[in-house]
Structures are given as structure tokens and as C-alpha cells.
Amino acid sequence: MKRLAVLLLVVCGCAPPAPRHEASEALKACAALRGPAESVADVVTRLNALPRPVSVPCLVAALPRPVDVVASTSLTSAQPADSAQSPRIFFLTRGLVLSVVPAGVGLHLVELGQWTSSTVTLKAEIELPLTAPLAGDAPITRIKPVGAGSSTQCGLCHRGEAPHPTIDGGWVSIAYQPGKGTEVKLDALAKEHQGCVDRAEASERCDLFHALFDVGELGQGAFAAEVERFTQ
């Protein structure tokens, strides 16, 4: 049977699957506290339950699995992609879009969009690592008007910005999905993870890729068709 398997590999030109990389004890501890992530409140609850200081990889490891992801090389954002090898990564849950980057200026930020309709989200942002309990409204009230105007930093790109009708300090605006031509597929992310494994690289970038792939199943996600595409 073993000889037959080897022969099939030679004939097909295929390779055996790479062995699964063993998650670190720190990531296992974060994944063990996994819970819902369908709202900003859910994410705050999860952060406050995780071992401190809570890093971005720890939060990613604690997201429910399987989870669908979309990645993009788009640079026009408060959390821009660093490169095609370190793209912006969106996690799509039933009620929430959560995004992170493996490298660059947004490395320690978690951007959140809680769906209030099929095309509009409540905007929120968290800066990690977290060393103390996070107030329930902190990610929402962090999004504040710029200067004396009534537009937030999110409103510089997202159309239709307005105060949330019932959440004090909350702002909603049109949601966007990555523009065509900027997508980075899941198999490309997997190759970046494998590169981290092969090099035995210790870095914040690779910590995030390990949090993506070492603690549960990912799926290739897609935004709903009615969500506008970003054009820049």
C-alpha cells in the first residue's frame, strides 16, 4: 500500500499534505476560551476573558471556528495592507466583520463593523495589547468626530455616515468590500503561514499567521453581493 501511494504521487505529480503546525501553548490557551463574535459586545466579552496582555493573535485564536476570511491588498484604510504577503484580513461572522493586518501601521489595531442592515455597519476599533478590562462601549466611542466637524475618520472613506439612532457615541456608515483585483486567496495566506513554519520565524507577523491556521478551520469567504466594492 505504501509503495502504491508513492507511485500515485509520482504519476499524479502531487505532493502529500504538509503536516499541521503545532500551536503554541499561548495560542492554545486563547483558543480554549473561544466564544461568539457576532457583535462588538461579544468581542469585548471575549477580550475581557482572555489572558492578559491580550494580543491581536490571541483574539484571532479565540474567534469561533470554522470562520470565513477575505483578504485584500487595499492600501486606502486606517488599517492598510502592508503588502500582498501581509494583506488586510477580514473575518466574516453572522453579525460582524472584524479585520486585522499581519504587519504595517495597523498591526495592533482591530477594526470592527457590526451590521445594522445588509449594507451599513456600526464602526468600532480596538488597540491591542490589552492590559486591563475594556469598557463595553470603548471600541464604539473610540470612533470620534475629527476636529470640530461631525464626520469621523471612518467617514472620510465611508459614505452615508450618521450617528447611531440608539447607541450613544456610535456612528454608522456604508460598508465596503475589497475592490476587484485586490483579493488575496486563502491558499496564498496558507503559503505565507507555511513560510513562517519553514523558517521557524519568531515575529508578530508570523504569530498572526499561526493564530489563523494553527487552532481551527478557515474558509474562503465572500461579502454579500449588495455590499459596495471599494474603488481605490
Protein backbone atom coordinates (compact mmCIF):
# COMPACT_ATOMS: atom_id res chain seq x y z
CA MET A 1 0.00 0.00 0.00
CA LYS A 2 2.86 2.40 0.86
CA ARG A 3 4.56 1.69 -2.49
CA LEU A 4 1.26 2.28 -4.29
CA ALA A 5 0.84 5.65 -2.55
CA VAL A 6 4.36 6.69 -3.56
CA LEU A 7 3.69 5.59 -7.15
CA LEU A 8 0.49 7.62 -7.28
CA LEU A 9 2.34 10.69 -6.05
CA VAL A 10 4.90 10.28 -8.82
CA VAL A 11 2.30 9.66 -11.54
CA CYS A 12 -0.02 12.47 -10.43
CA GLY A 13 2.73 14.95 -9.76
CA CYS A 14 1.06 15.78 -6.45
CA ALA A 15 2.62 16.14 -3.04
CA PRO A 16 1.48 14.85 0.33
CA PRO A 17 -0.24 17.46 2.51
CA ALA A 18 2.06 19.43 4.78
CA PRO A 19 1.87 18.33 8.41
CA ARG A 20 -0.24 20.55 10.64
CA HIS A 21 1.86 23.00 12.63
CA GLU A 22 1.51 22.63 16.38
CA ALA A 23 0.01 25.70 18.04
CA SER A 24 1.95 27.37 20.82
CA GLU A 25 0.74 26.92 24.38
CA ALA A 26 -0.18 30.62 24.44
CA LEU A 27 -2.41 30.27 21.36
CA LYS A 28 -3.95 27.08 22.75
CA ALA A 29 -4.85 28.96 25.93
CA CYS A 30 -6.54 31.69 23.87
CA ALA A 31 -8.38 29.18 21.67
CA ALA A 32 -9.63 27.35 24.76
CA LEU A 33 -11.60 30.50 25.68
CA ARG A 34 -13.23 30.73 22.28
CA GLY A 35 -16.73 32.18 22.13
CA PRO A 36 -19.27 34.05 19.97
CA ALA A 37 -18.15 37.04 17.89
CA GLU A 38 -21.35 38.32 16.32
CA SER A 39 -21.31 41.83 17.79
CA VAL A 40 -18.96 44.43 19.24
CA ALA A 41 -20.25 43.44 22.69
CA ASP A 42 -19.29 39.81 22.02
CA VAL A 43 -15.73 40.84 21.13
CA VAL A 44 -15.42 42.95 24.30
CA THR A 45 -16.64 39.98 26.35
CA ARG A 46 -14.08 37.74 24.66
CA LEU A 47 -11.22 40.21 25.19
CA ASN A 48 -12.03 40.57 28.87
CA ALA A 49 -11.98 36.78 29.30
CA LEU A 50 -8.60 36.21 27.59
CA PRO A 51 -5.24 36.06 29.40
CA ARG A 52 -3.57 39.47 29.59
CA PRO A 53 -1.89 41.14 27.91
CA VAL A 54 -4.30 40.26 25.09
CA SER A 55 -2.61 40.44 21.70
CA VAL A 56 -4.17 40.51 18.23
CA PRO A 57 -3.12 36.86 17.59
CA CYS A 58 -4.74 35.81 20.88
CA LEU A 59 -8.04 37.41 19.86
CA VAL A 60 -7.83 35.80 16.41
CA ALA A 61 -7.23 32.40 18.02
CA ALA A 62 -10.30 32.95 20.20
CA LEU A 63 -12.65 33.60 17.27
CA PRO A 64 -15.19 30.83 16.65
CA ARG A 65 -14.21 28.22 14.07
CA PRO A 66 -14.79 27.48 11.32
CA VAL A 67 -14.71 31.10 10.21
CA ASP A 68 -14.68 32.58 6.72
CA VAL A 69 -11.97 35.06 5.74
CA VAL A 70 -11.42 37.55 2.94
CA ALA A 71 -8.04 39.21 2.37
CA SER A 72 -7.10 42.29 0.37
CA THR A 73 -4.04 44.32 -0.67
CA SER A 74 -6.02 47.58 -0.45
CA LEU A 75 -3.97 50.48 0.93
CA THR A 76 -6.75 53.03 1.41
CA SER A 77 -7.77 52.48 5.01
CA ALA A 78 -6.91 53.38 8.57
CA GLN A 79 -5.64 49.79 8.59
CA PRO A 80 -3.94 49.38 5.19
CA ALA A 81 -2.43 46.17 3.88
CA ASP A 82 1.35 46.13 4.20
CA SER A 83 1.82 44.01 1.05
CA ALA A 84 0.38 41.05 -0.84
CA GLN A 85 2.31 38.88 1.62
CA SER A 86 0.79 40.75 4.59
CA PRO A 87 -2.70 41.72 3.40
CA ARG A 88 -5.61 43.08 5.37
CA ILE A 89 -7.62 40.10 6.60
CA PHE A 90 -11.37 40.24 7.22
CA PHE A 91 -13.18 37.68 9.38
CA LEU A 92 -16.85 37.31 8.47
CA THR A 93 -19.23 36.17 11.20
CA ARG A 94 -23.01 36.29 11.13
CA GLY A 95 -23.30 39.79 12.57
CA LEU A 96 -19.81 41.24 12.38
CA VAL A 97 -16.84 41.97 10.15
CA LEU A 98 -13.53 42.04 12.02
CA SER A 99 -10.25 42.95 10.33
CA VAL A 100 -6.55 42.75 11.19
CA VAL A 101 -3.21 43.06 9.41
CA PRO A 102 -0.06 40.94 9.98
CA ALA A 103 2.30 43.92 9.54
CA GLY A 104 2.36 47.65 9.00
CA VAL A 105 0.81 50.70 10.63
CA GLY A 106 -2.38 48.88 11.67
CA LEU A 107 -0.60 45.90 13.23
CA HIS A 108 -2.03 46.48 16.70
CA LEU A 109 -5.49 47.56 15.61
CA VAL A 110 -8.67 45.50 15.33
CA GLU A 111 -11.31 47.16 13.14
CA LEU A 112 -14.94 46.13 13.64
CA GLY A 113 -18.09 46.63 11.62
CA GLN A 114 -21.34 45.42 13.18
CA TRP A 115 -24.08 45.01 10.59
CA THR A 116 -27.12 47.23 11.18
CA SER A 117 -28.52 46.44 7.71
CA SER A 118 -27.27 44.47 4.70
CA THR A 119 -25.11 47.41 3.57
CA VAL A 120 -24.44 49.52 6.69
CA THR A 121 -22.25 48.85 9.73
CA LEU A 122 -21.68 50.36 13.16
CA LYS A 123 -17.97 51.20 13.24
CA ALA A 124 -15.64 50.31 16.14
CA GLU A 125 -11.93 49.97 16.78
CA ILE A 126 -9.72 48.36 19.42
CA GLU A 127 -5.99 48.85 20.01
CA LEU A 128 -4.11 45.89 21.47
CA PRO A 129 -2.37 44.60 23.54
CA LEU A 130 -4.99 44.93 26.23
CA THR A 131 -3.64 45.07 29.79
CA ALA A 132 -6.81 45.97 31.72
CA PRO A 133 -10.54 45.28 31.39
CA LEU A 134 -12.16 47.02 28.43
CA ALA A 135 -15.35 49.04 28.91
CA GLY A 136 -18.27 47.77 26.87
CA ASP A 137 -18.61 50.95 24.81
CA ALA A 138 -14.89 51.68 24.43
CA PRO A 139 -14.49 50.28 20.87
CA ILE A 140 -17.50 52.32 19.70
CA THR A 141 -16.70 55.61 21.43
CA ARG A 142 -13.11 55.40 20.18
CA ILE A 143 -14.56 56.39 16.77
CA LYS A 144 -14.93 60.13 17.31
CA PRO A 145 -15.58 63.14 15.06
CA VAL A 146 -12.48 64.67 13.53
CA GLY A 147 -11.87 68.19 14.87
CA ALA A 148 -14.94 70.37 15.17
CA GLY A 149 -16.75 68.63 12.32
CA SER A 150 -19.39 65.95 12.54
CA SER A 151 -17.51 63.37 10.46
CA THR A 152 -15.28 60.68 11.97
CA GLN A 153 -12.11 59.29 10.45
CA CYS A 154 -14.23 56.43 9.08
CA GLY A 155 -16.47 58.97 7.35
CA LEU A 156 -13.54 60.18 5.27
CA CYS A 157 -13.93 56.99 3.18
CA HIS A 158 -17.31 55.52 4.10
CA ARG A 159 -20.35 57.32 2.69
CA GLY A 160 -23.59 57.99 4.49
CA GLU A 161 -22.11 58.46 7.93
CA ALA A 162 -24.59 59.29 10.70
CA PRO A 163 -24.94 58.88 14.46
CA HIS A 164 -26.41 55.56 15.50
CA PRO A 165 -30.08 56.12 16.42
CA THR A 166 -29.90 54.31 19.77
CA ILE A 167 -26.22 53.81 20.72
CA ASP A 168 -24.78 56.92 22.35
CA GLY A 169 -21.50 57.85 20.66
CA GLY A 170 -21.96 55.25 17.92
CA TRP A 171 -21.53 56.03 14.22
CA VAL A 172 -22.83 54.07 11.23
CA SER A 173 -21.89 54.30 7.57
CA ILE A 174 -21.90 52.38 4.30
CA ALA A 175 -19.79 49.21 4.40
CA TYR A 176 -17.35 48.30 1.65
CA GLN A 177 -15.87 45.07 0.44
CA PRO A 178 -12.40 44.94 -1.18
CA GLY A 179 -12.14 46.13 -4.75
CA LYS A 180 -11.70 43.68 -7.59
CA GLY A 181 -8.09 42.89 -8.26
CA THR A 182 -7.05 43.34 -4.62
CA GLU A 183 -8.18 39.94 -3.34
CA VAL A 184 -5.71 37.55 -1.74
CA LYS A 185 -7.00 33.97 -1.65
CA LEU A 186 -6.90 31.65 1.33
CA ASP A 187 -4.32 29.35 -0.27
CA ALA A 188 -1.94 32.31 -0.61
CA LEU A 189 -2.36 33.06 3.09
CA ALA A 190 -1.64 29.39 3.81
CA LYS A 191 1.63 29.67 1.87
CA GLU A 192 2.67 32.65 3.97
CA HIS A 193 1.93 30.61 7.09
CA GLN A 194 3.97 27.71 5.77
CA GLY A 195 6.85 30.08 5.11
CA CYS A 196 6.75 31.10 8.76
CA VAL A 197 6.84 27.43 9.75
CA ASP A 198 9.68 26.56 7.36
CA ARG A 199 11.81 29.48 8.59
CA ALA A 200 10.88 28.92 12.24
CA GLU A 201 10.35 32.67 12.24
CA ALA A 202 9.55 34.39 15.52
CA SER A 203 7.76 37.64 14.67
CA GLU A 204 4.45 39.39 15.27
CA ARG A 205 3.62 38.76 11.62
CA CYS A 206 4.10 35.02 11.91
CA ASP A 207 2.31 34.98 15.28
CA LEU A 208 -0.79 36.19 13.43
CA PHE A 209 -0.46 33.57 10.69
CA HIS A 210 -0.14 30.87 13.37
CA ALA A 211 -3.28 32.23 15.04
CA LEU A 212 -5.04 31.94 11.69
CA PHE A 213 -4.03 28.41 10.79
CA ASP A 214 -2.90 26.50 13.90
CA VAL A 215 -6.06 26.49 16.02
CA GLY A 216 -9.01 25.72 13.76
CA GLU A 217 -10.62 25.67 10.36
CA LEU A 218 -10.81 28.61 7.96
CA GLY A 219 -12.97 29.02 4.86
CA GLN A 220 -12.68 31.22 1.80
CA GLY A 221 -15.29 33.88 2.48
CA ALA A 222 -17.16 36.39 0.35
CA PHE A 223 -19.10 39.53 1.15
CA ALA A 224 -22.74 39.70 0.08
CA ALA A 225 -23.22 40.95 -3.47
CA GLU A 226 -25.07 44.07 -2.33
CA VAL A 227 -22.08 45.35 -0.31
CA GLU A 228 -20.35 48.03 -2.37
CA ARG A 229 -16.84 47.43 -3.62
CA PHE A 230 -14.15 49.88 -2.65
CA THR A 231 -12.85 51.54 -5.81
CA GLN A 232 -9.48 52.86 -4.62
